Amino acid sequence: MLLDEIVGVGDAGFAAKAQKRMVEFMDNGNITILASHSLEYLLANTERVLWIDRGQLKADGSSIDVINEYKSEKRAVSD
């Protein structure tokens, strides 16, 4: 299943229903690809993250490692 920014749509009821369905889907061993800019959502709901920037793979690994790498780079760019 490919989902693009699922956390940014609908009201609270829809978001809760979509989250429950996605968890059920993943718990059944199905592969899910989730495109999102919500680091908190990715950290809470994924085990592996691929960071793709302008079509290039920048990092591939555990959610926490890739998200920390992303945050470090973004902080360095803004300094």
C-alpha atoms as a PDB file:
ATOM      1  CA  MET A   1       0.000   0.000   0.000  1.00  0.00           C
ATOM      2  CA  LEU A   2       1.319   3.448  -0.911  1.00  0.00           C
ATOM      3  CA  LEU A   3       0.097   6.340   1.247  1.00  0.00           C
ATOM      4  CA  ASP A   4       0.970   9.982   0.667  1.00  0.00           C
ATOM      5  CA  GLU A   5       0.623  12.381   3.607  1.00  0.00           C
ATOM      6  CA  ILE A   6      -2.254  10.435   5.187  1.00  0.00           C
ATOM      7  CA  VAL A   7      -1.855  12.325   8.469  1.00  0.00           C
ATOM      8  CA  GLY A   8      -2.727  15.657   6.874  1.00  0.00           C
ATOM      9  CA  VAL A   9      -6.257  14.910   5.667  1.00  0.00           C
ATOM     10  CA  GLY A  10      -9.726  14.684   7.165  1.00  0.00           C
ATOM     11  CA  ASP A  11     -11.111  15.440  10.582  1.00  0.00           C
ATOM     12  CA  ALA A  12     -10.123  13.760  13.860  1.00  0.00           C
ATOM     13  CA  GLY A  13     -12.610  10.916  13.372  1.00  0.00           C
ATOM     14  CA  PHE A  14     -11.311  10.128   9.909  1.00  0.00           C
ATOM     15  CA  ALA A  15      -7.687  10.350  11.082  1.00  0.00           C
ATOM     16  CA  ALA A  16      -8.349   7.874  13.913  1.00  0.00           C
ATOM     17  CA  LYS A  17     -10.145   5.477  11.561  1.00  0.00           C
ATOM     18  CA  ALA A  18      -7.345   5.710   8.970  1.00  0.00           C
ATOM     19  CA  GLN A  19      -4.677   5.162  11.643  1.00  0.00           C
ATOM     20  CA  LYS A  20      -6.476   2.074  12.982  1.00  0.00           C
ATOM     21  CA  ARG A  21      -6.817   0.598   9.492  1.00  0.00           C
ATOM     22  CA  MET A  22      -3.180   1.250   8.673  1.00  0.00           C
ATOM     23  CA  VAL A  23      -1.991  -0.432  11.879  1.00  0.00           C
ATOM     24  CA  GLU A  24      -4.182  -3.464  11.130  1.00  0.00           C
ATOM     25  CA  PHE A  25      -2.803  -3.607   7.597  1.00  0.00           C
ATOM     26  CA  MET A  26       0.816  -3.476   8.774  1.00  0.00           C
ATOM     27  CA  ASP A  27       0.209  -5.922  11.634  1.00  0.00           C
ATOM     28  CA  ASN A  28      -0.893  -8.481   9.031  1.00  0.00           C
ATOM     29  CA  GLY A  29       2.586  -8.336   7.480  1.00  0.00           C
ATOM     30  CA  ASN A  30       1.629  -6.162   4.533  1.00  0.00           C
ATOM     31  CA  ILE A  31       4.191  -3.781   3.094  1.00  0.00           C
ATOM     32  CA  THR A  32       3.291  -0.128   3.435  1.00  0.00           C
ATOM     33  CA  ILE A  33       5.093   2.818   1.894  1.00  0.00           C
ATOM     34  CA  LEU A  34       4.220   6.059   3.621  1.00  0.00           C
ATOM     35  CA  ALA A  35       5.305   9.430   2.216  1.00  0.00           C
ATOM     36  CA  SER A  36       5.247  12.074   4.927  1.00  0.00           C
ATOM     37  CA  HIS A  37       6.931  15.183   6.294  1.00  0.00           C
ATOM     38  CA  SER A  38       5.673  14.452   9.817  1.00  0.00           C
ATOM     39  CA  LEU A  39       8.750  13.189  11.638  1.00  0.00           C
ATOM     40  CA  GLU A  40       6.762  12.464  14.804  1.00  0.00           C
ATOM     41  CA  TYR A  41       4.275  10.341  12.888  1.00  0.00           C
ATOM     42  CA  LEU A  42       7.027   8.429  11.100  1.00  0.00           C
ATOM     43  CA  LEU A  43       8.893   7.818  14.347  1.00  0.00           C
ATOM     44  CA  ALA A  44       5.781   6.502  16.082  1.00  0.00           C
ATOM     45  CA  ASN A  45       4.546   4.326  13.210  1.00  0.00           C
ATOM     46  CA  THR A  46       7.533   2.980  11.297  1.00  0.00           C
ATOM     47  CA  GLU A  47      10.574   0.800  11.874  1.00  0.00           C
ATOM     48  CA  ARG A  48      12.511   1.808   8.752  1.00  0.00           C
ATOM     49  CA  VAL A  49      12.781   5.134   6.957  1.00  0.00           C
ATOM     50  CA  LEU A  50      14.201   6.087   3.596  1.00  0.00           C
ATOM     51  CA  TRP A  51      15.114   9.762   3.268  1.00  0.00           C
ATOM     52  CA  ILE A  52      14.822  10.869  -0.336  1.00  0.00           C
ATOM     53  CA  ASP A  53      15.838  14.403  -1.249  1.00  0.00           C
ATOM     54  CA  ARG A  54      15.350  15.716  -4.796  1.00  0.00           C
ATOM     55  CA  GLY A  55      15.130  12.171  -6.116  1.00  0.00           C
ATOM     56  CA  GLN A  56      18.330  10.999  -4.415  1.00  0.00           C
ATOM     57  CA  LEU A  57      18.484   8.493  -1.566  1.00  0.00           C
ATOM     58  CA  LYS A  58      20.171  10.283   1.343  1.00  0.00           C
ATOM     59  CA  ALA A  59      19.690   7.650   4.072  1.00  0.00           C
ATOM     60  CA  ASP A  60      18.114   4.247   4.682  1.00  0.00           C
ATOM     61  CA  GLY A  61      17.879   2.715   8.125  1.00  0.00           C
ATOM     62  CA  SER A  62      16.058   2.591  11.425  1.00  0.00           C
ATOM     63  CA  SER A  63      13.487   5.334  11.884  1.00  0.00           C
ATOM     64  CA  ILE A  64      15.304   6.944  14.794  1.00  0.00           C
ATOM     65  CA  ASP A  65      18.693   6.939  13.045  1.00  0.00           C
ATOM     66  CA  VAL A  66      17.445   8.409   9.768  1.00  0.00           C
ATOM     67  CA  ILE A  67      15.248  11.004  11.465  1.00  0.00           C
ATOM     68  CA  ASN A  68      18.149  12.097  13.687  1.00  0.00           C
ATOM     69  CA  GLU A  69      20.388  12.368  10.610  1.00  0.00           C
ATOM     70  CA  TYR A  70      17.717  14.429   8.830  1.00  0.00           C
ATOM     71  CA  LYS A  71      17.308  16.760  11.830  1.00  0.00           C
ATOM     72  CA  SER A  72      21.079  17.192  12.138  1.00  0.00           C
ATOM     73  CA  GLU A  73      21.406  18.170   8.480  1.00  0.00           C
ATOM     74  CA  LYS A  74      18.457  20.561   8.637  1.00  0.00           C
ATOM     75  CA  ARG A  75      19.907  22.223  11.770  1.00  0.00           C
ATOM     76  CA  ALA A  76      23.306  22.592  10.053  1.00  0.00           C
ATOM     77  CA  VAL A  77      21.699  24.190   7.000  1.00  0.00           C
ATOM     78  CA  SER A  78      19.697  26.681   9.091  1.00  0.00           C
ATOM     79  CA  ASP A  79      22.746  27.756  11.176  1.00  0.00           C
END
